[in-house]
Amino acid sequence: MTAHLEARVAAARAKLEAWDKRHTVSDFDHGMLNLPLRARNGKTGIDGLARQRAELQRNLDSADAKLRRAQAAPRLAAEKAARENTHATIDLKAMHGDKTEVQWTLNGAWFEVVRWNKKSVTVVMAGERDTIPHTQIGGVR
């Protein structure tokens, strides 16, 4: 599937480069800016040319984004599987059962541990008990 997308990106890039080559002017004609609006608009006026180039650039950007997404799909699937495996096998109580403080990653503060659970820890936060999941633990001591 990526071969098709690579061909699509190459074709879009070639179209854009050909358009740029066709419409490159060595000396900019400032007189074009003084033309009446009806001469500037349309397919061959300044505004029309800008719209054509913008459309070609959008096509290239879209094809490139689709290619990058397709190339990243296997890596993202592997990362997701690793996260799910970690979540399924983690046991905080066995790993950190003797520690008395835990750092919350959301604010960086250290909190006193009340109880270690398998996938979370109960702490005293602002005078009340609260639970921090294993994904938000920044450190233990």
Foldseek 3Di string as FASTA:
>chain_A
DLVVLVVQLVVLVVVLVVLCVVPDDPDDDPVLVVDPPVQQDDCPHVVNSVVVNVVSVVSNVVSVVVSVCVVCVVVVVVVVVVVVVCQVPAFCCVVPVPFQWWAFQVVRDIFGFPAGGGFWTWTQDPNDIDIDGNVGTDDTD
